[in-house]
Amino acid sequence: MNVTEKILWKSNNFQSSYTFSNPDRMGYWTKAFMKYIRSADEYGMKATKRGFYKIMGKKLTKGNMCTFFASITQADIVTATKEWNGSFTECIYTKGSNWNNYLNGNLKRG
């Protein structure tokens, strides 16, 4: 890929301000969530929003950071797969196809 070529991604939410275009200026939540995904992958664990909030010491309530999770998934930095955990359906997050493209600065919101 040419260094000047960017992979465009589109957000389904016009209110979202997430761009994921400059990994050197990665926001706090993006950095923490990507670190959580990387750690879960390394330890063979399932990365969930509930687990992430527990690690962050935050209470998970309906709608918390929904724009962030939707945007990072739409940018394909992470992939969300719904899975039944025995009690309810929850999203399992893994590295998406644009994970490295983002870290290399090759993503642009279109």
PDB file of N, CA and C in Angstrom:
ATOM      1  N   MET A   1       0.837  -1.176   0.000  1.00  0.00           N
ATOM      2  CA  MET A   1       0.000   0.000   0.000  1.00  0.00           C
ATOM      3  C   MET A   1       0.882   1.238   0.000  1.00  0.00           C
ATOM      4  N   ASN A   2       0.567   2.167  -0.834  1.00  0.00           N
ATOM      5  CA  ASN A   2       1.251   3.440  -0.880  1.00  0.00           C
ATOM      6  C   ASN A   2       1.002   4.172   0.437  1.00  0.00           C
ATOM      7  N   VAL A   3       2.022   4.843   0.966  1.00  0.00           N
ATOM      8  CA  VAL A   3       1.905   5.513   2.254  1.00  0.00           C
ATOM      9  C   VAL A   3       0.795   6.568   2.232  1.00  0.00           C
ATOM     10  N   THR A   4       0.572   7.193   1.079  1.00  0.00           N
ATOM     11  CA  THR A   4      -0.440   8.239   1.001  1.00  0.00           C
ATOM     12  C   THR A   4      -1.856   7.687   0.838  1.00  0.00           C
ATOM     13  N   GLU A   5      -1.989   6.415   0.499  1.00  0.00           N
ATOM     14  CA  GLU A   5      -3.305   5.810   0.363  1.00  0.00           C
ATOM     15  C   GLU A   5      -3.931   5.612   1.743  1.00  0.00           C
ATOM     16  N   LYS A   6      -5.191   5.956   1.841  1.00  0.00           N
ATOM     17  CA  LYS A   6      -5.913   5.777   3.090  1.00  0.00           C
ATOM     18  C   LYS A   6      -7.112   4.871   2.845  1.00  0.00           C
ATOM     19  N   ILE A   7      -7.429   4.096   3.839  1.00  0.00           N
ATOM     20  CA  ILE A   7      -8.621   3.262   3.785  1.00  0.00           C
ATOM     21  C   ILE A   7      -9.751   4.084   4.384  1.00  0.00           C
ATOM     22  N   LEU A   8     -10.792   4.293   3.612  1.00  0.00           N
ATOM     23  CA  LEU A   8     -11.925   5.085   4.074  1.00  0.00           C
ATOM     24  C   LEU A   8     -12.925   4.208   4.812  1.00  0.00           C
ATOM     25  N   TRP A   9     -13.455   4.737   5.876  1.00  0.00           N
ATOM     26  CA  TRP A   9     -14.541   4.071   6.573  1.00  0.00           C
ATOM     27  C   TRP A   9     -15.657   5.083   6.793  1.00  0.00           C
ATOM     28  N   LYS A  10     -16.871   4.608   6.843  1.00  0.00           N
ATOM     29  CA  LYS A  10     -18.032   5.487   7.006  1.00  0.00           C
ATOM     30  C   LYS A  10     -18.760   5.147   8.295  1.00  0.00           C
ATOM     31  N   SER A  11     -19.183   6.198   8.971  1.00  0.00           N
ATOM     32  CA  SER A  11     -19.968   6.042  10.186  1.00  0.00           C
ATOM     33  C   SER A  11     -21.445   6.099   9.828  1.00  0.00           C
ATOM     34  N   ASN A  12     -22.241   5.265  10.471  1.00  0.00           N
ATOM     35  CA  ASN A  12     -23.689   5.283  10.281  1.00  0.00           C
ATOM     36  C   ASN A  12     -24.360   6.336  11.153  1.00  0.00           C
ATOM     37  N   ASN A  13     -23.584   7.008  11.995  1.00  0.00           N
ATOM     38  CA  ASN A  13     -24.133   7.973  12.942  1.00  0.00           C
ATOM     39  C   ASN A  13     -23.516   9.345  12.679  1.00  0.00           C
ATOM     40  N   PHE A  14     -24.315  10.286  12.214  1.00  0.00           N
ATOM     41  CA  PHE A  14     -23.798  11.612  11.901  1.00  0.00           C
ATOM     42  C   PHE A  14     -23.373  12.373  13.155  1.00  0.00           C
ATOM     43  N   GLN A  15     -23.823  11.954  14.335  1.00  0.00           N
ATOM     44  CA  GLN A  15     -23.448  12.628  15.575  1.00  0.00           C
ATOM     45  C   GLN A  15     -22.087  12.176  16.101  1.00  0.00           C
ATOM     46  N   SER A  16     -21.577  11.090  15.571  1.00  0.00           N
ATOM     47  CA  SER A  16     -20.290  10.577  16.018  1.00  0.00           C
ATOM     48  C   SER A  16     -19.169  11.474  15.514  1.00  0.00           C
ATOM     49  N   SER A  17     -18.255  11.822  16.395  1.00  0.00           N
ATOM     50  CA  SER A  17     -17.110  12.650  16.001  1.00  0.00           C
ATOM     51  C   SER A  17     -15.811  11.842  15.935  1.00  0.00           C
ATOM     52  N   TYR A  18     -15.898  10.540  16.110  1.00  0.00           N
ATOM     53  CA  TYR A  18     -14.705   9.702  16.079  1.00  0.00           C
ATOM     54  C   TYR A  18     -14.169   9.609  14.653  1.00  0.00           C
ATOM     55  N   THR A  19     -12.848   9.774  14.502  1.00  0.00           N
ATOM     56  CA  THR A  19     -12.243   9.703  13.169  1.00  0.00           C
ATOM     57  C   THR A  19     -11.263   8.542  13.042  1.00  0.00           C
ATOM     58  N   PHE A  20     -10.558   8.185  14.115  1.00  0.00           N
ATOM     59  CA  PHE A  20      -9.564   7.106  14.109  1.00  0.00           C
ATOM     60  C   PHE A  20      -8.565   7.291  12.966  1.00  0.00           C
ATOM     61  N   SER A  21      -8.086   8.495  12.778  1.00  0.00           N
ATOM     62  CA  SER A  21      -7.172   8.766  11.669  1.00  0.00           C
ATOM     63  C   SER A  21      -5.726   8.962  12.112  1.00  0.00           C
ATOM     64  N   ASN A  22      -5.498   9.259  13.374  1.00  0.00           N
ATOM     65  CA  ASN A  22      -4.139   9.523  13.826  1.00  0.00           C
ATOM     66  C   ASN A  22      -3.847   8.738  15.110  1.00  0.00           C
ATOM     67  N   PRO A  23      -3.162   7.611  14.988  1.00  0.00           N
ATOM     68  CA  PRO A  23      -2.896   6.798  16.182  1.00  0.00           C
ATOM     69  C   PRO A  23      -1.988   7.507  17.198  1.00  0.00           C
ATOM     70  N   ASP A  24      -1.240   8.515  16.768  1.00  0.00           N
ATOM     71  CA  ASP A  24      -0.393   9.268  17.704  1.00  0.00           C
ATOM     72  C   ASP A  24      -1.229  10.151  18.629  1.00  0.00           C
ATOM     73  N   ARG A  25      -2.465  10.422  18.230  1.00  0.00           N
ATOM     74  CA  ARG A  25      -3.368  11.229  19.043  1.00  0.00           C
ATOM     75  C   ARG A  25      -4.562  10.387  19.510  1.00  0.00           C
ATOM     76  N   MET A  26      -4.298   9.120  19.751  1.00  0.00           N
ATOM     77  CA  MET A  26      -5.326   8.173  20.176  1.00  0.00           C
ATOM     78  C   MET A  26      -5.925   8.626  21.506  1.00  0.00           C
ATOM     79  N   GLY A  27      -7.237   8.643  21.568  1.00  0.00           N
ATOM     80  CA  GLY A  27      -7.928   9.050  22.787  1.00  0.00           C
ATOM     81  C   GLY A  27      -7.800   8.014  23.896  1.00  0.00           C
ATOM     82  N   TYR A  28      -8.132   8.456  25.095  1.00  0.00           N
ATOM     83  CA  TYR A  28      -8.026   7.608  26.273  1.00  0.00           C
ATOM     84  C   TYR A  28      -8.824   6.314  26.132  1.00  0.00           C
ATOM     85  N   TRP A  29     -10.098   6.426  25.718  1.00  0.00           N
ATOM     86  CA  TRP A  29     -10.948   5.243  25.603  1.00  0.00           C
ATOM     87  C   TRP A  29     -10.472   4.314  24.495  1.00  0.00           C
ATOM     88  N   THR A  30     -10.030   4.879  23.387  1.00  0.00           N
ATOM     89  CA  THR A  30      -9.537   4.059  22.275  1.00  0.00           C
ATOM     90  C   THR A  30      -8.304   3.282  22.711  1.00  0.00           C
ATOM     91  N   LYS A  31      -7.377   3.966  23.341  1.00  0.00           N
ATOM     92  CA  LYS A  31      -6.140   3.327  23.804  1.00  0.00           C
ATOM     93  C   LYS A  31      -6.447   2.223  24.813  1.00  0.00           C
ATOM     94  N   ALA A  32      -7.314   2.520  25.774  1.00  0.00           N
ATOM     95  CA  ALA A  32      -7.658   1.538  26.815  1.00  0.00           C
ATOM     96  C   ALA A  32      -8.389   0.339  26.223  1.00  0.00           C
ATOM     97  N   PHE A  33      -9.329   0.592  25.300  1.00  0.00           N
ATOM     98  CA  PHE A  33     -10.092  -0.511  24.724  1.00  0.00           C
ATOM     99  C   PHE A  33      -9.210  -1.394  23.853  1.00  0.00           C
ATOM    100  N   MET A  34      -8.327  -0.793  23.069  1.00  0.00           N
ATOM    101  CA  MET A  34      -7.436  -1.589  22.224  1.00  0.00           C
ATOM    102  C   MET A  34      -6.460  -2.405  23.083  1.00  0.00           C
ATOM    103  N   LYS A  35      -5.998  -1.832  24.170  1.00  0.00           N
ATOM    104  CA  LYS A  35      -5.124  -2.570  25.089  1.00  0.00           C
ATOM    105  C   LYS A  35      -5.876  -3.753  25.692  1.00  0.00           C
ATOM    106  N   TYR A  36      -7.136  -3.536  26.037  1.00  0.00           N
ATOM    107  CA  TYR A  36      -7.979  -4.605  26.590  1.00  0.00           C
ATOM    108  C   TYR A  36      -8.184  -5.724  25.565  1.00  0.00           C
ATOM    109  N   ILE A  37      -8.468  -5.361  24.330  1.00  0.00           N
ATOM    110  CA  ILE A  37      -8.658  -6.361  23.262  1.00  0.00           C
ATOM    111  C   ILE A  37      -7.366  -7.158  23.064  1.00  0.00           C
ATOM    112  N   ARG A  38      -6.239  -6.469  23.011  1.00  0.00           N
ATOM    113  CA  ARG A  38      -4.934  -7.116  22.823  1.00  0.00           C
ATOM    114  C   ARG A  38      -4.648  -8.085  23.966  1.00  0.00           C
ATOM    115  N   SER A  39      -4.911  -7.667  25.197  1.00  0.00           N
ATOM    116  CA  SER A  39      -4.668  -8.520  26.362  1.00  0.00           C
ATOM    117  C   SER A  39      -5.576  -9.744  26.363  1.00  0.00           C
ATOM    118  N   ALA A  40      -6.850  -9.532  26.062  1.00  0.00           N
ATOM    119  CA  ALA A  40      -7.790 -10.663  26.016  1.00  0.00           C
ATOM    120  C   ALA A  40      -7.334 -11.667  24.964  1.00  0.00           C
ATOM    121  N   ASP A  41      -6.881 -11.179  23.823  1.00  0.00           N
ATOM    122  CA  ASP A  41      -6.393 -12.045  22.748  1.00  0.00           C
ATOM    123  C   ASP A  41      -5.170 -12.843  23.205  1.00  0.00           C
ATOM    124  N   GLU A  42      -4.229 -12.171  23.859  1.00  0.00           N
ATOM    125  CA  GLU A  42      -2.997 -12.828  24.318  1.00  0.00           C
ATOM    126  C   GLU A  42      -3.271 -13.906  25.367  1.00  0.00           C
ATOM    127  N   TYR A  43      -4.280 -13.674  26.210  1.00  0.00           N
ATOM    128  CA  TYR A  43      -4.579 -14.619  27.286  1.00  0.00           C
ATOM    129  C   TYR A  43      -5.707 -15.580  26.946  1.00  0.00           C
ATOM    130  N   GLY A  44      -6.184 -15.553  25.697  1.00  0.00           N
ATOM    131  CA  GLY A  44      -7.234 -16.471  25.264  1.00  0.00           C
ATOM    132  C   GLY A  44      -8.569 -16.236  25.940  1.00  0.00           C
ATOM    133  N   MET A  45      -8.830 -14.989  26.298  1.00  0.00           N
ATOM    134  CA  MET A  45     -10.087 -14.641  26.953  1.00  0.00           C
ATOM    135  C   MET A  45     -11.019 -13.949  25.958  1.00  0.00           C
ATOM    136  N   LYS A  46     -12.293 -13.877  26.297  1.00  0.00           N
ATOM    137  CA  LYS A  46     -13.263 -13.175  25.466  1.00  0.00           C
ATOM    138  C   LYS A  46     -13.356 -11.730  25.939  1.00  0.00           C
ATOM    139  N   ALA A  47     -13.195 -10.815  25.011  1.00  0.00           N
ATOM    140  CA  ALA A  47     -13.287  -9.392  25.327  1.00  0.00           C
ATOM    141  C   ALA A  47     -14.731  -8.935  25.149  1.00  0.00           C
ATOM    142  N   THR A  48     -15.314  -8.445  26.222  1.00  0.00           N
ATOM    143  CA  THR A  48     -16.688  -7.963  26.191  1.00  0.00           C
ATOM    144  C   THR A  48     -16.743  -6.539  26.738  1.00  0.00           C
ATOM    145  N   LYS A  49     -17.822  -5.846  26.438  1.00  0.00           N
ATOM    146  CA  LYS A  49     -18.000  -4.495  26.969  1.00  0.00           C
ATOM    147  C   LYS A  49     -18.089  -4.555  28.497  1.00  0.00           C
ATOM    148  N   ARG A  50     -18.785  -5.569  29.009  1.00  0.00           N
ATOM    149  CA  ARG A  50     -18.928  -5.741  30.451  1.00  0.00           C
ATOM    150  C   ARG A  50     -17.553  -5.939  31.117  1.00  0.00           C
ATOM    151  N   GLY A  51     -16.722  -6.785  30.505  1.00  0.00           N
ATOM    152  CA  GLY A  51     -15.375  -7.011  31.032  1.00  0.00           C
ATOM    153  C   GLY A  51     -14.516  -5.764  30.975  1.00  0.00           C
ATOM    154  N   PHE A  52     -14.653  -5.009  29.898  1.00  0.00           N
ATOM    155  CA  PHE A  52     -13.891  -3.768  29.744  1.00  0.00           C
ATOM    156  C   PHE A  52     -14.277  -2.769  30.833  1.00  0.00           C
ATOM    157  N   TYR A  53     -15.560  -2.607  31.050  1.00  0.00           N
ATOM    158  CA  TYR A  53     -16.000  -1.674  32.084  1.00  0.00           C
ATOM    159  C   TYR A  53     -15.545  -2.118  33.469  1.00  0.00           C
ATOM    160  N   LYS A  54     -15.525  -3.408  33.719  1.00  0.00           N
ATOM    161  CA  LYS A  54     -15.059  -3.921  35.008  1.00  0.00           C
ATOM    162  C   LYS A  54     -13.584  -3.577  35.208  1.00  0.00           C
ATOM    163  N   ILE A  55     -12.770  -3.785  34.168  1.00  0.00           N
ATOM    164  CA  ILE A  55     -11.334  -3.459  34.243  1.00  0.00           C
ATOM    165  C   ILE A  55     -11.136  -1.956  34.475  1.00  0.00           C
ATOM    166  N   MET A  56     -11.989  -1.149  33.851  1.00  0.00           N
ATOM    167  CA  MET A  56     -11.876   0.308  33.964  1.00  0.00           C
ATOM    168  C   MET A  56     -12.443   0.831  35.287  1.00  0.00           C
ATOM    169  N   GLY A  57     -13.114  -0.050  36.050  1.00  0.00           N
ATOM    170  CA  GLY A  57     -13.702   0.380  37.314  1.00  0.00           C
ATOM    171  C   GLY A  57     -14.917   1.265  37.126  1.00  0.00           C
ATOM    172  N   LYS A  58     -15.615   1.089  36.014  1.00  0.00           N
ATOM    173  CA  LYS A  58     -16.800   1.890  35.692  1.00  0.00           C
ATOM    174  C   LYS A  58     -18.034   1.018  35.738  1.00  0.00           C
ATOM    175  N   LYS A  59     -19.165   1.637  35.987  1.00  0.00           N
ATOM    176  CA  LYS A  59     -20.430   0.918  35.982  1.00  0.00           C
ATOM    177  C   LYS A  59     -20.998   0.927  34.568  1.00  0.00           C
ATOM    178  N   LEU A  60     -21.357  -0.233  34.066  1.00  0.00           N
ATOM    179  CA  LEU A  60     -21.941  -0.351  32.734  1.00  0.00           C
ATOM    180  C   LEU A  60     -23.441  -0.133  32.828  1.00  0.00           C
ATOM    181  N   THR A  61     -23.909   0.883  32.141  1.00  0.00           N
ATOM    182  CA  THR A  61     -25.338   1.137  32.063  1.00  0.00           C
ATOM    183  C   THR A  61     -25.733   1.174  30.592  1.00  0.00           C
ATOM    184  N   LYS A  62     -26.997   0.985  30.339  1.00  0.00           N
ATOM    185  CA  LYS A  62     -27.490   0.945  28.963  1.00  0.00           C
ATOM    186  C   LYS A  62     -27.134   2.247  28.229  1.00  0.00           C
ATOM    187  N   GLY A  63     -26.525   2.100  27.075  1.00  0.00           N
ATOM    188  CA  GLY A  63     -26.178   3.254  26.253  1.00  0.00           C
ATOM    189  C   GLY A  63     -24.816   3.860  26.529  1.00  0.00           C
ATOM    190  N   ASN A  64     -24.099   3.358  27.555  1.00  0.00           N
ATOM    191  CA  ASN A  64     -22.764   3.888  27.846  1.00  0.00           C
ATOM    192  C   ASN A  64     -21.852   3.814  26.630  1.00  0.00           C
ATOM    193  N   MET A  65     -21.346   4.933  26.210  1.00  0.00           N
ATOM    194  CA  MET A  65     -20.343   5.009  25.137  1.00  0.00           C
ATOM    195  C   MET A  65     -20.801   4.276  23.870  1.00  0.00           C
ATOM    196  N   CYS A  66     -22.093   4.260  23.611  1.00  0.00           N
ATOM    197  CA  CYS A  66     -22.603   3.516  22.460  1.00  0.00           C
ATOM    198  C   CYS A  66     -22.048   4.067  21.145  1.00  0.00           C
ATOM    199  N   THR A  67     -21.839   5.381  21.056  1.00  0.00           N
ATOM    200  CA  THR A  67     -21.277   5.964  19.839  1.00  0.00           C
ATOM    201  C   THR A  67     -19.840   5.499  19.636  1.00  0.00           C
ATOM    202  N   PHE A  68     -19.061   5.418  20.712  1.00  0.00           N
ATOM    203  CA  PHE A  68     -17.683   4.949  20.619  1.00  0.00           C
ATOM    204  C   PHE A  68     -17.629   3.509  20.117  1.00  0.00           C
ATOM    205  N   PHE A  69     -18.396   2.624  20.755  1.00  0.00           N
ATOM    206  CA  PHE A  69     -18.366   1.214  20.371  1.00  0.00           C
ATOM    207  C   PHE A  69     -18.873   1.003  18.953  1.00  0.00           C
ATOM    208  N   ALA A  70     -19.894   1.744  18.550  1.00  0.00           N
ATOM    209  CA  ALA A  70     -20.401   1.640  17.175  1.00  0.00           C
ATOM    210  C   ALA A  70     -19.355   2.136  16.183  1.00  0.00           C
ATOM    211  N   SER A  71     -18.709   3.246  16.490  1.00  0.00           N
ATOM    212  CA  SER A  71     -17.730   3.831  15.560  1.00  0.00           C
ATOM    213  C   SER A  71     -16.485   2.968  15.407  1.00  0.00           C
ATOM    214  N   ILE A  72     -15.953   2.463  16.496  1.00  0.00           N
ATOM    215  CA  ILE A  72     -14.731   1.655  16.404  1.00  0.00           C
ATOM    216  C   ILE A  72     -15.015   0.333  15.689  1.00  0.00           C
ATOM    217  N   THR A  73     -16.275  -0.129  15.780  1.00  0.00           N
ATOM    218  CA  THR A  73     -16.675  -1.332  15.053  1.00  0.00           C
ATOM    219  C   THR A  73     -16.896  -1.012  13.573  1.00  0.00           C
ATOM    220  N   GLN A  74     -17.547   0.111  13.273  1.00  0.00           N
ATOM    221  CA  GLN A  74     -17.774   0.503  11.884  1.00  0.00           C
ATOM    222  C   GLN A  74     -16.468   0.797  11.160  1.00  0.00           C
ATOM    223  N   ALA A  75     -15.476   1.289  11.877  1.00  0.00           N
ATOM    224  CA  ALA A  75     -14.164   1.523  11.285  1.00  0.00           C
ATOM    225  C   ALA A  75     -13.415   0.207  11.079  1.00  0.00           C
ATOM    226  N   ASP A  76     -13.961  -0.873  11.581  1.00  0.00           N
ATOM    227  CA  ASP A  76     -13.405  -2.222  11.494  1.00  0.00           C
ATOM    228  C   ASP A  76     -12.045  -2.344  12.183  1.00  0.00           C
ATOM    229  N   ILE A  77     -11.854  -1.503  13.193  1.00  0.00           N
ATOM    230  CA  ILE A  77     -10.673  -1.647  14.040  1.00  0.00           C
ATOM    231  C   ILE A  77     -10.889  -2.862  14.930  1.00  0.00           C
ATOM    232  N   VAL A  78     -12.132  -3.035  15.361  1.00  0.00           N
ATOM    233  CA  VAL A  78     -12.528  -4.241  16.088  1.00  0.00           C
ATOM    234  C   VAL A  78     -13.751  -4.832  15.399  1.00  0.00           C
ATOM    235  N   THR A  79     -13.954  -6.094  15.651  1.00  0.00           N
ATOM    236  CA  THR A  79     -15.123  -6.804  15.143  1.00  0.00           C
ATOM    237  C   THR A  79     -15.956  -7.238  16.341  1.00  0.00           C
ATOM    238  N   ALA A  80     -17.261  -7.040  16.249  1.00  0.00           N
ATOM    239  CA  ALA A  80     -18.164  -7.447  17.319  1.00  0.00           C
ATOM    240  C   ALA A  80     -19.014  -8.616  16.835  1.00  0.00           C
ATOM    241  N   THR A  81     -18.984  -9.699  17.597  1.00  0.00           N
ATOM    242  CA  THR A  81     -19.770 -10.884  17.287  1.00  0.00           C
ATOM    243  C   THR A  81     -20.684 -11.165  18.467  1.00  0.00           C
ATOM    244  N   LYS A  82     -21.965 -11.290  18.204  1.00  0.00           N
ATOM    245  CA  LYS A  82     -22.905 -11.572  19.291  1.00  0.00           C
ATOM    246  C   LYS A  82     -22.862 -13.048  19.651  1.00  0.00           C
ATOM    247  N   GLU A  83     -22.865 -13.302  20.954  1.00  0.00           N
ATOM    248  CA  GLU A  83     -22.760 -14.673  21.443  1.00  0.00           C
ATOM    249  C   GLU A  83     -23.584 -14.825  22.719  1.00  0.00           C
ATOM    250  N   TRP A  84     -24.280 -15.943  22.841  1.00  0.00           N
ATOM    251  CA  TRP A  84     -25.045 -16.254  24.038  1.00  0.00           C
ATOM    252  C   TRP A  84     -24.083 -16.720  25.126  1.00  0.00           C
ATOM    253  N   ASN A  85     -24.139 -16.104  26.301  1.00  0.00           N
ATOM    254  CA  ASN A  85     -23.218 -16.478  27.380  1.00  0.00           C
ATOM    255  C   ASN A  85     -23.863 -17.360  28.444  1.00  0.00           C
ATOM    256  N   GLY A  86     -25.082 -17.837  28.168  1.00  0.00           N
ATOM    257  CA  GLY A  86     -25.795 -18.663  29.135  1.00  0.00           C
ATOM    258  C   GLY A  86     -26.890 -17.900  29.848  1.00  0.00           C
ATOM    259  N   SER A  87     -26.739 -16.581  29.911  1.00  0.00           N
ATOM    260  CA  SER A  87     -27.746 -15.734  30.555  1.00  0.00           C
ATOM    261  C   SER A  87     -28.334 -14.708  29.595  1.00  0.00           C
ATOM    262  N   PHE A  88     -27.498 -14.180  28.715  1.00  0.00           N
ATOM    263  CA  PHE A  88     -27.929 -13.158  27.768  1.00  0.00           C
ATOM    264  C   PHE A  88     -26.940 -13.109  26.605  1.00  0.00           C
ATOM    265  N   THR A  89     -27.344 -12.421  25.545  1.00  0.00           N
ATOM    266  CA  THR A  89     -26.472 -12.253  24.380  1.00  0.00           C
ATOM    267  C   THR A  89     -25.559 -11.063  24.630  1.00  0.00           C
ATOM    268  N   GLU A  90     -24.276 -11.248  24.370  1.00  0.00           N
ATOM    269  CA  GLU A  90     -23.348 -10.142  24.527  1.00  0.00           C
ATOM    270  C   GLU A  90     -22.369 -10.133  23.367  1.00  0.00           C
ATOM    271  N   CYS A  91     -21.785  -8.982  23.120  1.00  0.00           N
ATOM    272  CA  CYS A  91     -20.831  -8.839  22.016  1.00  0.00           C
ATOM    273  C   CYS A  91     -19.442  -9.247  22.474  1.00  0.00           C
ATOM    274  N   ILE A  92     -18.809 -10.056  21.647  1.00  0.00           N
ATOM    275  CA  ILE A  92     -17.417 -10.443  21.865  1.00  0.00           C
ATOM    276  C   ILE A  92     -16.597  -9.634  20.851  1.00  0.00           C
ATOM    277  N   TYR A  93     -15.638  -8.881  21.345  1.00  0.00           N
ATOM    278  CA  TYR A  93     -14.823  -8.027  20.489  1.00  0.00           C
ATOM    279  C   TYR A  93     -13.475  -8.675  20.199  1.00  0.00           C
ATOM    280  N   THR A  94     -13.067  -8.609  18.940  1.00  0.00           N
ATOM    281  CA  THR A  94     -11.761  -9.098  18.504  1.00  0.00           C
ATOM    282  C   THR A  94     -11.145  -8.058  17.572  1.00  0.00           C
ATOM    283  N   LYS A  95      -9.883  -8.239  17.250  1.00  0.00           N
ATOM    284  CA  LYS A  95      -9.224  -7.332  16.315  1.00  0.00           C
ATOM    285  C   LYS A  95      -9.911  -7.403  14.962  1.00  0.00           C
ATOM    286  N   GLY A  96     -10.184  -6.249  14.383  1.00  0.00           N
ATOM    287  CA  GLY A  96     -10.812  -6.187  13.069  1.00  0.00           C
ATOM    288  C   GLY A  96      -9.769  -6.089  11.967  1.00  0.00           C
ATOM    289  N   SER A  97     -10.239  -6.078  10.739  1.00  0.00           N
ATOM    290  CA  SER A  97      -9.309  -6.056   9.598  1.00  0.00           C
ATOM    291  C   SER A  97      -8.559  -4.733   9.474  1.00  0.00           C
ATOM    292  N   ASN A  98      -9.040  -3.663  10.097  1.00  0.00           N
ATOM    293  CA  ASN A  98      -8.334  -2.378  10.037  1.00  0.00           C
ATOM    294  C   ASN A  98      -7.524  -2.070  11.295  1.00  0.00           C
ATOM    295  N   TRP A  99      -7.341  -3.050  12.150  1.00  0.00           N
ATOM    296  CA  TRP A  99      -6.570  -2.860  13.392  1.00  0.00           C
ATOM    297  C   TRP A  99      -5.185  -2.297  13.062  1.00  0.00           C
ATOM    298  N   ASN A 100      -4.432  -2.998  12.233  1.00  0.00           N
ATOM    299  CA  ASN A 100      -3.076  -2.544  11.890  1.00  0.00           C
ATOM    300  C   ASN A 100      -3.093  -1.313  10.997  1.00  0.00           C
ATOM    301  N   ASN A 101      -4.104  -1.206  10.128  1.00  0.00           N
ATOM    302  CA  ASN A 101      -4.202  -0.009   9.297  1.00  0.00           C
ATOM    303  C   ASN A 101      -4.347   1.235  10.163  1.00  0.00           C
ATOM    304  N   TYR A 102      -5.130   1.139  11.221  1.00  0.00           N
ATOM    305  CA  TYR A 102      -5.269   2.268  12.139  1.00  0.00           C
ATOM    306  C   TYR A 102      -3.943   2.569  12.831  1.00  0.00           C
ATOM    307  N   LEU A 103      -3.301   1.542  13.362  1.00  0.00           N
ATOM    308  CA  LEU A 103      -2.033   1.755  14.088  1.00  0.00           C
ATOM    309  C   LEU A 103      -0.945   2.303  13.167  1.00  0.00           C
ATOM    310  N   ASN A 104      -1.050   2.033  11.865  1.00  0.00           N
ATOM    311  CA  ASN A 104      -0.089   2.568  10.898  1.00  0.00           C
ATOM    312  C   ASN A 104      -0.505   3.915  10.328  1.00  0.00           C
ATOM    313  N   GLY A 105      -1.633   4.447  10.774  1.00  0.00           N
ATOM    314  CA  GLY A 105      -2.096   5.752  10.306  1.00  0.00           C
ATOM    315  C   GLY A 105      -2.723   5.731   8.933  1.00  0.00           C
ATOM    316  N   ASN A 106      -3.251   4.585   8.510  1.00  0.00           N
ATOM    317  CA  ASN A 106      -3.796   4.449   7.161  1.00  0.00           C
ATOM    318  C   ASN A 106      -5.319   4.491   7.093  1.00  0.00           C
ATOM    319  N   LEU A 107      -5.972   4.930   8.160  1.00  0.00           N
ATOM    320  CA  LEU A 107      -7.443   5.021   8.155  1.00  0.00           C
ATOM    321  C   LEU A 107      -7.876   6.470   8.018  1.00  0.00           C
ATOM    322  N   LYS A 108      -8.993   6.659   7.378  1.00  0.00           N
ATOM    323  CA  LYS A 108      -9.565   7.997   7.254  1.00  0.00           C
ATOM    324  C   LYS A 108     -11.081   7.846   7.225  1.00  0.00           C
ATOM    325  N   ARG A 109     -11.733   8.697   7.989  1.00  0.00           N
ATOM    326  CA  ARG A 109     -13.203   8.678   7.969  1.00  0.00           C
ATOM    327  C   ARG A 109     -13.684   9.372   6.701  1.00  0.00           C
ATOM    328  N   GLY A 110     -14.549   8.692   5.979  1.00  0.00           N
ATOM    329  CA  GLY A 110     -15.024   9.230   4.698  1.00  0.00           C
ATOM    330  C   GLY A 110     -16.392   9.803   4.773  1.00  0.00           C
TER     331      GLY A 110
END
